[in-house]
């Protein structure tokens, strides 16, 4: 089994802040910060997925209902706003319908 990727590395909170420590994992460099062209708050959003479903915390095959999803989220200590869940559910149903209309298999 591959060691899980964490931002803490070996327990040092600054570990992920040094680019050489995350080489070959998930790292990027923003050159605009070196040129003093940023004047205000700065934020980054990193999105991804697990290539191995076994490692996905929400990939548990027992999660087949909203109640089971809520239990799993609580176990993980994660929170999802109800509006975000409703929007996500609505969009996924739309994608499923489009997949069916194009002849793709859906579960």
PDB file of N, CA and C in Angstrom:
ATOM      1  N   UNK A   1       0.849  -1.189   0.000  1.00  0.00           N
ATOM      2  CA  UNK A   1       0.000   0.000   0.000  1.00  0.00           C
ATOM      3  C   UNK A   1       0.890   1.246   0.000  1.00  0.00           C
ATOM      4  N   UNK A   2       0.502   2.219  -0.768  1.00  0.00           N
ATOM      5  CA  UNK A   2       1.227   3.478  -0.860  1.00  0.00           C
ATOM      6  C   UNK A   2       0.926   4.314   0.373  1.00  0.00           C
ATOM      7  N   UNK A   3       1.953   4.998   0.899  1.00  0.00           N
ATOM      8  CA  UNK A   3       1.721   5.886   2.031  1.00  0.00           C
ATOM      9  C   UNK A   3       0.762   6.996   1.626  1.00  0.00           C
ATOM     10  N   UNK A   4      -0.196   7.331   2.468  1.00  0.00           N
ATOM     11  CA  UNK A   4      -1.138   8.390   2.112  1.00  0.00           C
ATOM     12  C   UNK A   4      -0.437   9.744   2.032  1.00  0.00           C
ATOM     13  N   UNK A   5      -0.908  10.566   1.120  1.00  0.00           N
ATOM     14  CA  UNK A   5      -0.378  11.913   0.966  1.00  0.00           C
ATOM     15  C   UNK A   5      -1.018  12.812   2.011  1.00  0.00           C
ATOM     16  N   UNK A   6      -0.185  13.466   2.801  1.00  0.00           N
ATOM     17  CA  UNK A   6      -0.699  14.396   3.792  1.00  0.00           C
ATOM     18  C   UNK A   6       0.081  15.690   3.705  1.00  0.00           C
ATOM     19  N   UNK A   7      -0.517  16.765   4.152  1.00  0.00           N
ATOM     20  CA  UNK A   7       0.159  18.059   4.155  1.00  0.00           C
ATOM     21  C   UNK A   7       1.163  18.155   5.292  1.00  0.00           C
ATOM     22  N   UNK A   8       1.080  17.247   6.256  1.00  0.00           N
ATOM     23  CA  UNK A   8       1.967  17.321   7.414  1.00  0.00           C
ATOM     24  C   UNK A   8       3.307  16.632   7.200  1.00  0.00           C
ATOM     25  N   UNK A   9       3.392  15.797   6.181  1.00  0.00           N
ATOM     26  CA  UNK A   9       4.656  15.110   5.955  1.00  0.00           C
ATOM     27  C   UNK A   9       5.042  14.282   7.165  1.00  0.00           C
ATOM     28  N   UNK A  10       6.149  14.608   7.766  1.00  0.00           N
ATOM     29  CA  UNK A  10       6.655  13.846   8.904  1.00  0.00           C
ATOM     30  C   UNK A  10       6.323  14.527  10.232  1.00  0.00           C
ATOM     31  N   UNK A  11       5.210  15.245  10.292  1.00  0.00           N
ATOM     32  CA  UNK A  11       4.784  15.880  11.525  1.00  0.00           C
ATOM     33  C   UNK A  11       5.162  17.342  11.630  1.00  0.00           C
ATOM     34  N   UNK A  12       5.872  17.867  10.655  1.00  0.00           N
ATOM     35  CA  UNK A  12       6.276  19.265  10.654  1.00  0.00           C
ATOM     36  C   UNK A  12       5.259  20.072   9.858  1.00  0.00           C
ATOM     37  N   UNK A  13       4.592  21.019  10.510  1.00  0.00           N
ATOM     38  CA  UNK A  13       3.545  21.802   9.840  1.00  0.00           C
ATOM     39  C   UNK A  13       4.077  22.586   8.644  1.00  0.00           C
ATOM     40  N   UNK A  14       5.342  22.934   8.636  1.00  0.00           N
ATOM     41  CA  UNK A  14       5.922  23.705   7.533  1.00  0.00           C
ATOM     42  C   UNK A  14       6.394  22.805   6.392  1.00  0.00           C
ATOM     43  N   UNK A  15       6.309  21.496   6.552  1.00  0.00           N
ATOM     44  CA  UNK A  15       6.827  20.546   5.565  1.00  0.00           C
ATOM     45  C   UNK A  15       6.299  20.822   4.163  1.00  0.00           C
ATOM     46  N   UNK A  16       4.999  20.998   4.015  1.00  0.00           N
ATOM     47  CA  UNK A  16       4.406  21.186   2.695  1.00  0.00           C
ATOM     48  C   UNK A  16       4.687  22.575   2.125  1.00  0.00           C
ATOM     49  N   UNK A  17       5.141  23.488   2.956  1.00  0.00           N
ATOM     50  CA  UNK A  17       5.423  24.838   2.487  1.00  0.00           C
ATOM     51  C   UNK A  17       6.750  24.971   1.761  1.00  0.00           C
ATOM     52  N   UNK A  18       7.559  23.957   1.785  1.00  0.00           N
ATOM     53  CA  UNK A  18       8.859  23.983   1.101  1.00  0.00           C
ATOM     54  C   UNK A  18       8.749  23.110  -0.135  1.00  0.00           C
ATOM     55  N   UNK A  19       8.874  23.721  -1.309  1.00  0.00           N
ATOM     56  CA  UNK A  19       8.592  23.050  -2.575  1.00  0.00           C
ATOM     57  C   UNK A  19       9.368  21.745  -2.746  1.00  0.00           C
ATOM     58  N   UNK A  20      10.631  21.714  -2.342  1.00  0.00           N
ATOM     59  CA  UNK A  20      11.431  20.504  -2.538  1.00  0.00           C
ATOM     60  C   UNK A  20      10.886  19.307  -1.756  1.00  0.00           C
ATOM     61  N   UNK A  21      10.163  19.548  -0.687  1.00  0.00           N
ATOM     62  CA  UNK A  21       9.584  18.449   0.089  1.00  0.00           C
ATOM     63  C   UNK A  21       8.423  17.777  -0.634  1.00  0.00           C
ATOM     64  N   UNK A  22       7.731  18.499  -1.500  1.00  0.00           N
ATOM     65  CA  UNK A  22       6.558  17.940  -2.169  1.00  0.00           C
ATOM     66  C   UNK A  22       6.839  17.600  -3.626  1.00  0.00           C
ATOM     67  N   UNK A  23       8.108  17.603  -4.011  1.00  0.00           N
ATOM     68  CA  UNK A  23       8.498  17.251  -5.369  1.00  0.00           C
ATOM     69  C   UNK A  23       7.988  15.846  -5.712  1.00  0.00           C
ATOM     70  N   UNK A  24       7.306  15.720  -6.829  1.00  0.00           N
ATOM     71  CA  UNK A  24       6.766  14.430  -7.236  1.00  0.00           C
ATOM     72  C   UNK A  24       5.441  14.095  -6.590  1.00  0.00           C
ATOM     73  N   UNK A  25       4.919  14.991  -5.810  1.00  0.00           N
ATOM     74  CA  UNK A  25       3.611  14.781  -5.194  1.00  0.00           C
ATOM     75  C   UNK A  25       2.640  15.795  -5.772  1.00  0.00           C
ATOM     76  N   UNK A  26       2.363  16.827  -5.043  1.00  0.00           N
ATOM     77  CA  UNK A  26       1.464  17.866  -5.517  1.00  0.00           C
ATOM     78  C   UNK A  26       2.061  19.199  -5.106  1.00  0.00           C
ATOM     79  N   UNK A  27       2.674  19.863  -6.039  1.00  0.00           N
ATOM     80  CA  UNK A  27       3.289  21.138  -5.721  1.00  0.00           C
ATOM     81  C   UNK A  27       3.207  22.075  -6.908  1.00  0.00           C
ATOM     82  N   UNK A  28       3.196  23.341  -6.645  1.00  0.00           N
ATOM     83  CA  UNK A  28       3.250  24.338  -7.705  1.00  0.00           C
ATOM     84  C   UNK A  28       3.928  25.576  -7.160  1.00  0.00           C
ATOM     85  N   UNK A  29       4.421  26.372  -8.069  1.00  0.00           N
ATOM     86  CA  UNK A  29       5.098  27.598  -7.681  1.00  0.00           C
ATOM     87  C   UNK A  29       4.417  28.757  -8.386  1.00  0.00           C
ATOM     88  N   UNK A  30       4.092  29.784  -7.651  1.00  0.00           N
ATOM     89  CA  UNK A  30       3.468  30.980  -8.204  1.00  0.00           C
ATOM     90  C   UNK A  30       4.536  32.057  -8.326  1.00  0.00           C
ATOM     91  N   UNK A  31       5.022  32.258  -9.544  1.00  0.00           N
ATOM     92  CA  UNK A  31       6.092  33.227  -9.771  1.00  0.00           C
ATOM     93  C   UNK A  31       5.648  34.670  -9.579  1.00  0.00           C
ATOM     94  N   UNK A  32       4.353  34.927  -9.595  1.00  0.00           N
ATOM     95  CA  UNK A  32       3.901  36.317  -9.401  1.00  0.00           C
ATOM     96  C   UNK A  32       4.202  36.801  -7.994  1.00  0.00           C
ATOM     97  N   UNK A  33       4.307  35.882  -7.041  1.00  0.00           N
ATOM     98  CA  UNK A  33       4.612  36.289  -5.673  1.00  0.00           C
ATOM     99  C   UNK A  33       6.033  36.818  -5.549  1.00  0.00           C
ATOM    100  N   UNK A  34       6.917  36.333  -6.401  1.00  0.00           N
ATOM    101  CA  UNK A  34       8.312  36.789  -6.374  1.00  0.00           C
ATOM    102  C   UNK A  34       8.478  38.176  -6.984  1.00  0.00           C
ATOM    103  N   UNK A  35       7.476  38.639  -7.715  1.00  0.00           N
ATOM    104  CA  UNK A  35       7.613  39.897  -8.435  1.00  0.00           C
ATOM    105  C   UNK A  35       6.772  41.016  -7.832  1.00  0.00           C
ATOM    106  N   UNK A  36       6.266  40.811  -6.630  1.00  0.00           N
ATOM    107  CA  UNK A  36       5.481  41.832  -5.911  1.00  0.00           C
ATOM    108  C   UNK A  36       4.334  42.387  -6.743  1.00  0.00           C
ATOM    109  N   UNK A  37       3.677  41.516  -7.528  1.00  0.00           N
ATOM    110  CA  UNK A  37       2.548  41.971  -8.334  1.00  0.00           C
ATOM    111  C   UNK A  37       1.207  41.636  -7.692  1.00  0.00           C
ATOM    112  N   UNK A  38       1.228  41.063  -6.526  1.00  0.00           N
ATOM    113  CA  UNK A  38      -0.008  40.693  -5.847  1.00  0.00           C
ATOM    114  C   UNK A  38      -0.317  41.745  -4.801  1.00  0.00           C
ATOM    115  N   UNK A  39      -1.515  42.337  -4.921  1.00  0.00           N
ATOM    116  CA  UNK A  39      -1.903  43.383  -3.969  1.00  0.00           C
ATOM    117  C   UNK A  39      -3.245  43.019  -3.349  1.00  0.00           C
ATOM    118  N   UNK A  40      -3.238  42.126  -2.421  1.00  0.00           N
ATOM    119  CA  UNK A  40      -4.486  41.770  -1.763  1.00  0.00           C
ATOM    120  C   UNK A  40      -4.479  40.328  -1.312  1.00  0.00           C
ATOM    121  N   UNK A  41      -5.612  39.857  -0.825  1.00  0.00           N
ATOM    122  CA  UNK A  41      -5.701  38.462  -0.384  1.00  0.00           C
ATOM    123  C   UNK A  41      -5.442  37.511  -1.550  1.00  0.00           C
ATOM    124  N   UNK A  42      -4.937  36.359  -1.232  1.00  0.00           N
ATOM    125  CA  UNK A  42      -4.609  35.358  -2.238  1.00  0.00           C
ATOM    126  C   UNK A  42      -5.164  34.024  -1.775  1.00  0.00           C
ATOM    127  N   UNK A  43      -5.771  33.274  -2.689  1.00  0.00           N
ATOM    128  CA  UNK A  43      -6.311  31.961  -2.338  1.00  0.00           C
ATOM    129  C   UNK A  43      -6.087  31.005  -3.495  1.00  0.00           C
ATOM    130  N   UNK A  44      -5.901  29.752  -3.176  1.00  0.00           N
ATOM    131  CA  UNK A  44      -5.760  28.695  -4.165  1.00  0.00           C
ATOM    132  C   UNK A  44      -6.766  27.604  -3.832  1.00  0.00           C
ATOM    133  N   UNK A  45      -7.284  26.957  -4.840  1.00  0.00           N
ATOM    134  CA  UNK A  45      -8.181  25.826  -4.666  1.00  0.00           C
ATOM    135  C   UNK A  45      -7.541  24.642  -5.360  1.00  0.00           C
ATOM    136  N   UNK A  46      -7.349  23.565  -4.621  1.00  0.00           N
ATOM    137  CA  UNK A  46      -6.777  22.357  -5.185  1.00  0.00           C
ATOM    138  C   UNK A  46      -7.851  21.280  -5.147  1.00  0.00           C
ATOM    139  N   UNK A  47      -8.184  20.746  -6.298  1.00  0.00           N
ATOM    140  CA  UNK A  47      -9.204  19.696  -6.393  1.00  0.00           C
ATOM    141  C   UNK A  47      -8.559  18.455  -6.996  1.00  0.00           C
ATOM    142  N   UNK A  48      -9.028  17.329  -6.594  1.00  0.00           N
ATOM    143  CA  UNK A  48      -8.471  16.108  -7.146  1.00  0.00           C
ATOM    144  C   UNK A  48      -9.334  14.917  -6.810  1.00  0.00           C
ATOM    145  N   UNK A  49      -8.798  13.763  -7.075  1.00  0.00           N
ATOM    146  CA  UNK A  49      -9.516  12.537  -6.827  1.00  0.00           C
ATOM    147  C   UNK A  49      -8.490  11.452  -6.530  1.00  0.00           C
ATOM    148  N   UNK A  50      -8.967  10.341  -6.050  1.00  0.00           N
ATOM    149  CA  UNK A  50      -8.103   9.212  -5.752  1.00  0.00           C
ATOM    150  C   UNK A  50      -8.075   8.285  -6.956  1.00  0.00           C
ATOM    151  N   UNK A  51      -6.881   7.967  -7.449  1.00  0.00           N
ATOM    152  CA  UNK A  51      -6.783   7.043  -8.578  1.00  0.00           C
ATOM    153  C   UNK A  51      -7.098   5.618  -8.138  1.00  0.00           C
ATOM    154  N   UNK A  52      -6.935   5.334  -6.858  1.00  0.00           N
ATOM    155  CA  UNK A  52      -7.276   4.028  -6.305  1.00  0.00           C
ATOM    156  C   UNK A  52      -8.510   4.212  -5.423  1.00  0.00           C
ATOM    157  N   UNK A  53      -9.679   3.725  -5.874  1.00  0.00           N
ATOM    158  CA  UNK A  53     -10.916   3.920  -5.099  1.00  0.00           C
ATOM    159  C   UNK A  53     -10.840   3.398  -3.671  1.00  0.00           C
ATOM    160  N   UNK A  54      -9.972   2.423  -3.417  1.00  0.00           N
ATOM    161  CA  UNK A  54      -9.843   1.878  -2.066  1.00  0.00           C
ATOM    162  C   UNK A  54      -9.323   2.940  -1.104  1.00  0.00           C
ATOM    163  N   UNK A  55      -8.539   3.901  -1.608  1.00  0.00           N
ATOM    164  CA  UNK A  55      -7.972   4.946  -0.762  1.00  0.00           C
ATOM    165  C   UNK A  55      -8.913   6.138  -0.581  1.00  0.00           C
ATOM    166  N   UNK A  56      -9.998   6.191  -1.335  1.00  0.00           N
ATOM    167  CA  UNK A  56     -10.945   7.304  -1.273  1.00  0.00           C
ATOM    168  C   UNK A  56     -11.797   7.189  -0.019  1.00  0.00           C
ATOM    169  N   UNK A  57     -11.702   8.163   0.897  1.00  0.00           N
ATOM    170  CA  UNK A  57     -12.486   8.074   2.143  1.00  0.00           C
ATOM    171  C   UNK A  57     -13.993   8.003   1.898  1.00  0.00           C
ATOM    172  N   UNK A  58     -14.457   8.602   0.811  1.00  0.00           N
ATOM    173  CA  UNK A  58     -15.891   8.549   0.513  1.00  0.00           C
ATOM    174  C   UNK A  58     -16.216   7.475  -0.529  1.00  0.00           C
ATOM    175  N   UNK A  59     -15.230   6.648  -0.879  1.00  0.00           N
ATOM    176  CA  UNK A  59     -15.448   5.597  -1.860  1.00  0.00           C
ATOM    177  C   UNK A  59     -15.965   4.304  -1.241  1.00  0.00           C
ATOM    178  N   UNK A  60     -16.300   4.338   0.037  1.00  0.00           N
ATOM    179  CA  UNK A  60     -16.814   3.168   0.746  1.00  0.00           C
ATOM    180  C   UNK A  60     -18.095   2.685   0.068  1.00  0.00           C
ATOM    181  N   UNK A  61     -18.117   1.427  -0.348  1.00  0.00           N
ATOM    182  CA  UNK A  61     -19.278   0.867  -1.039  1.00  0.00           C
ATOM    183  C   UNK A  61     -20.517   0.795  -0.147  1.00  0.00           C
ATOM    184  N   UNK A  62     -20.345   0.947   1.166  1.00  0.00           N
ATOM    185  CA  UNK A  62     -21.487   0.939   2.084  1.00  0.00           C
ATOM    186  C   UNK A  62     -22.238   2.263   2.045  1.00  0.00           C
ATOM    187  N   UNK A  63     -21.631   3.295   1.466  1.00  0.00           N
ATOM    188  CA  UNK A  63     -22.277   4.612   1.386  1.00  0.00           C
ATOM    189  C   UNK A  63     -23.193   4.619   0.159  1.00  0.00           C
ATOM    190  N   UNK A  64     -24.466   4.289   0.406  1.00  0.00           N
ATOM    191  CA  UNK A  64     -25.439   4.194  -0.683  1.00  0.00           C
ATOM    192  C   UNK A  64     -26.668   5.050  -0.439  1.00  0.00           C
ATOM    193  N   UNK A  65     -26.642   5.843   0.626  1.00  0.00           N
ATOM    194  CA  UNK A  65     -27.779   6.703   0.929  1.00  0.00           C
ATOM    195  C   UNK A  65     -27.254   7.998   1.533  1.00  0.00           C
ATOM    196  N   UNK A  66     -28.136   8.990   1.615  1.00  0.00           N
ATOM    197  CA  UNK A  66     -27.720  10.252   2.233  1.00  0.00           C
ATOM    198  C   UNK A  66     -27.410  10.051   3.718  1.00  0.00           C
ATOM    199  N   UNK A  67     -28.157   9.180   4.365  1.00  0.00           N
ATOM    200  CA  UNK A  67     -27.898   8.915   5.785  1.00  0.00           C
ATOM    201  C   UNK A  67     -26.515   8.298   5.973  1.00  0.00           C
ATOM    202  N   UNK A  68     -26.164   7.323   5.123  1.00  0.00           N
ATOM    203  CA  UNK A  68     -24.845   6.694   5.214  1.00  0.00           C
ATOM    204  C   UNK A  68     -23.744   7.704   4.875  1.00  0.00           C
ATOM    205  N   UNK A  69     -24.018   8.576   3.913  1.00  0.00           N
ATOM    206  CA  UNK A  69     -23.078   9.635   3.553  1.00  0.00           C
ATOM    207  C   UNK A  69     -22.851  10.552   4.752  1.00  0.00           C
ATOM    208  N   UNK A  70     -23.933  10.951   5.419  1.00  0.00           N
ATOM    209  CA  UNK A  70     -23.817  11.832   6.586  1.00  0.00           C
ATOM    210  C   UNK A  70     -23.037  11.165   7.719  1.00  0.00           C
ATOM    211  N   UNK A  71     -23.259   9.877   7.929  1.00  0.00           N
ATOM    212  CA  UNK A  71     -22.515   9.148   8.965  1.00  0.00           C
ATOM    213  C   UNK A  71     -21.031   9.134   8.627  1.00  0.00           C
ATOM    214  N   UNK A  72     -20.706   8.839   7.356  1.00  0.00           N
ATOM    215  CA  UNK A  72     -19.300   8.799   6.944  1.00  0.00           C
ATOM    216  C   UNK A  72     -18.662  10.174   7.088  1.00  0.00           C
ATOM    217  N   UNK A  73     -19.358  11.229   6.695  1.00  0.00           N
ATOM    218  CA  UNK A  73     -18.825  12.587   6.828  1.00  0.00           C
ATOM    219  C   UNK A  73     -18.561  12.913   8.303  1.00  0.00           C
ATOM    220  N   UNK A  74     -19.482  12.504   9.175  1.00  0.00           N
ATOM    221  CA  UNK A  74     -19.312  12.756  10.608  1.00  0.00           C
ATOM    222  C   UNK A  74     -18.104  11.988  11.156  1.00  0.00           C
ATOM    223  N   UNK A  75     -17.936  10.746  10.706  1.00  0.00           N
ATOM    224  CA  UNK A  75     -16.771   9.955  11.130  1.00  0.00           C
ATOM    225  C   UNK A  75     -15.464  10.636  10.715  1.00  0.00           C
ATOM    226  N   UNK A  76     -15.460  11.242   9.541  1.00  0.00           N
ATOM    227  CA  UNK A  76     -14.265  11.914   9.033  1.00  0.00           C
ATOM    228  C   UNK A  76     -14.073  13.304   9.633  1.00  0.00           C
ATOM    229  N   UNK A  77     -15.115  13.819  10.286  1.00  0.00           N
ATOM    230  CA  UNK A  77     -15.047  15.164  10.845  1.00  0.00           C
ATOM    231  C   UNK A  77     -15.206  16.234   9.775  1.00  0.00           C
ATOM    232  N   UNK A  78     -15.872  15.878   8.665  1.00  0.00           N
ATOM    233  CA  UNK A  78     -16.068  16.801   7.546  1.00  0.00           C
ATOM    234  C   UNK A  78     -17.492  17.340   7.578  1.00  0.00           C
ATOM    235  N   UNK A  79     -17.676  18.519   7.004  1.00  0.00           N
ATOM    236  CA  UNK A  79     -18.985  19.162   6.960  1.00  0.00           C
ATOM    237  C   UNK A  79     -19.255  19.633   5.536  1.00  0.00           C
ATOM    238  N   UNK A  80     -20.481  19.447   5.091  1.00  0.00           N
ATOM    239  CA  UNK A  80     -20.905  19.917   3.779  1.00  0.00           C
ATOM    240  C   UNK A  80     -22.200  20.687   3.969  1.00  0.00           C
ATOM    241  N   UNK A  81     -22.207  21.930   3.563  1.00  0.00           N
ATOM    242  CA  UNK A  81     -23.393  22.765   3.681  1.00  0.00           C
ATOM    243  C   UNK A  81     -24.554  22.135   2.912  1.00  0.00           C
ATOM    244  N   UNK A  82     -25.756  22.194   3.478  1.00  0.00           N
ATOM    245  CA  UNK A  82     -26.928  21.586   2.829  1.00  0.00           C
ATOM    246  C   UNK A  82     -27.145  22.116   1.418  1.00  0.00           C
ATOM    247  N   UNK A  83     -26.925  23.416   1.200  1.00  0.00           N
ATOM    248  CA  UNK A  83     -27.098  23.979  -0.143  1.00  0.00           C
ATOM    249  C   UNK A  83     -26.095  23.379  -1.119  1.00  0.00           C
ATOM    250  N   UNK A  84     -24.865  23.166  -0.666  1.00  0.00           N
ATOM    251  CA  UNK A  84     -23.857  22.548  -1.521  1.00  0.00           C
ATOM    252  C   UNK A  84     -24.237  21.117  -1.868  1.00  0.00           C
ATOM    253  N   UNK A  85     -24.779  20.389  -0.872  1.00  0.00           N
ATOM    254  CA  UNK A  85     -25.194  19.010  -1.130  1.00  0.00           C
ATOM    255  C   UNK A  85     -26.342  18.976  -2.134  1.00  0.00           C
ATOM    256  N   UNK A  86     -27.306  19.861  -1.973  1.00  0.00           N
ATOM    257  CA  UNK A  86     -28.453  19.890  -2.883  1.00  0.00           C
ATOM    258  C   UNK A  86     -28.001  20.208  -4.305  1.00  0.00           C
ATOM    259  N   UNK A  87     -27.104  21.181  -4.452  1.00  0.00           N
ATOM    260  CA  UNK A  87     -26.608  21.538  -5.781  1.00  0.00           C
ATOM    261  C   UNK A  87     -25.833  20.372  -6.398  1.00  0.00           C
ATOM    262  N   UNK A  88     -24.993  19.736  -5.599  1.00  0.00           N
ATOM    263  CA  UNK A  88     -24.210  18.601  -6.076  1.00  0.00           C
ATOM    264  C   UNK A  88     -25.126  17.453  -6.515  1.00  0.00           C
ATOM    265  N   UNK A  89     -26.141  17.163  -5.712  1.00  0.00           N
ATOM    266  CA  UNK A  89     -27.082  16.092  -6.043  1.00  0.00           C
ATOM    267  C   UNK A  89     -27.821  16.394  -7.335  1.00  0.00           C
ATOM    268  N   UNK A  90     -28.277  17.622  -7.463  1.00  0.00           N
ATOM    269  CA  UNK A  90     -29.008  18.032  -8.663  1.00  0.00           C
ATOM    270  C   UNK A  90     -28.143  17.901  -9.908  1.00  0.00           C
ATOM    271  N   UNK A  91     -26.914  18.366  -9.820  1.00  0.00           N
ATOM    272  CA  UNK A  91     -26.009  18.277 -10.977  1.00  0.00           C
ATOM    273  C   UNK A  91     -25.693  16.831 -11.329  1.00  0.00           C
ATOM    274  N   UNK A  92     -25.457  15.995 -10.308  1.00  0.00           N
ATOM    275  CA  UNK A  92     -25.118  14.605 -10.602  1.00  0.00           C
ATOM    276  C   UNK A  92     -26.286  13.889 -11.273  1.00  0.00           C
ATOM    277  N   UNK A  93     -27.508  14.187 -10.849  1.00  0.00           N
ATOM    278  CA  UNK A  93     -28.673  13.583 -11.504  1.00  0.00           C
ATOM    279  C   UNK A  93     -28.768  14.026 -12.956  1.00  0.00           C
ATOM    280  N   UNK A  94     -28.433  15.291 -13.209  1.00  0.00           N
ATOM    281  CA  UNK A  94     -28.418  15.789 -14.591  1.00  0.00           C
ATOM    282  C   UNK A  94     -27.382  15.068 -15.433  1.00  0.00           C
ATOM    283  N   UNK A  95     -26.189  14.846 -14.870  1.00  0.00           N
ATOM    284  CA  UNK A  95     -25.130  14.133 -15.594  1.00  0.00           C
ATOM    285  C   UNK A  95     -25.530  12.685 -15.864  1.00  0.00           C
ATOM    286  N   UNK A  96     -26.190  12.063 -14.890  1.00  0.00           N
ATOM    287  CA  UNK A  96     -26.648  10.683 -15.069  1.00  0.00           C
ATOM    288  C   UNK A  96     -27.671  10.604 -16.191  1.00  0.00           C
ATOM    289  N   UNK A  97     -28.579  11.566 -16.225  1.00  0.00           N
ATOM    290  CA  UNK A  97     -29.593  11.578 -17.281  1.00  0.00           C
ATOM    291  C   UNK A  97     -28.958  11.761 -18.657  1.00  0.00           C
ATOM    292  N   UNK A  98     -28.001  12.646 -18.753  1.00  0.00           N
ATOM    293  CA  UNK A  98     -27.304  12.856 -20.031  1.00  0.00           C
ATOM    294  C   UNK A  98     -26.562  11.581 -20.437  1.00  0.00           C
ATOM    295  N   UNK A  99     -25.924  10.919 -19.482  1.00  0.00           N
ATOM    296  CA  UNK A  99     -25.212   9.675 -19.783  1.00  0.00           C
ATOM    297  C   UNK A  99     -26.184   8.621 -20.311  1.00  0.00           C
ATOM    298  N   UNK A 100     -27.342   8.516 -19.689  1.00  0.00           N
ATOM    299  CA  UNK A 100     -28.350   7.544 -20.148  1.00  0.00           C
ATOM    300  C   UNK A 100     -28.817   7.869 -21.561  1.00  0.00           C
ATOM    301  N   UNK A 101     -29.057   9.141 -21.833  1.00  0.00           N
ATOM    302  CA  UNK A 101     -29.528   9.555 -23.156  1.00  0.00           C
ATOM    303  C   UNK A 101     -28.503   9.280 -24.243  1.00  0.00           C
ATOM    304  N   UNK A 102     -27.234   9.301 -23.888  1.00  0.00           N
ATOM    305  CA  UNK A 102     -26.191   9.039 -24.880  1.00  0.00           C
ATOM    306  C   UNK A 102     -25.819   7.568 -24.950  1.00  0.00           C
ATOM    307  N   UNK A 103     -26.498   6.733 -24.155  1.00  0.00           N
ATOM    308  CA  UNK A 103     -26.279   5.295 -24.213  1.00  0.00           C
ATOM    309  C   UNK A 103     -25.190   4.769 -23.312  1.00  0.00           C
ATOM    310  N   UNK A 104     -24.669   5.614 -22.425  1.00  0.00           N
ATOM    311  CA  UNK A 104     -23.658   5.146 -21.490  1.00  0.00           C
ATOM    312  C   UNK A 104     -24.309   4.401 -20.329  1.00  0.00           C
ATOM    313  N   UNK A 105     -23.610   3.390 -19.834  1.00  0.00           N
ATOM    314  CA  UNK A 105     -24.131   2.601 -18.729  1.00  0.00           C
ATOM    315  C   UNK A 105     -24.035   3.396 -17.422  1.00  0.00           C
ATOM    316  N   UNK A 106     -25.089   3.365 -16.640  1.00  0.00           N
ATOM    317  CA  UNK A 106     -25.096   4.011 -15.320  1.00  0.00           C
ATOM    318  C   UNK A 106     -25.544   2.993 -14.289  1.00  0.00           C
ATOM    319  N   UNK A 107     -25.112   3.188 -13.074  1.00  0.00           N
ATOM    320  CA  UNK A 107     -25.498   2.262 -12.002  1.00  0.00           C
ATOM    321  C   UNK A 107     -26.583   2.858 -11.150  1.00  0.00           C
TER     322      UNK A 107
END
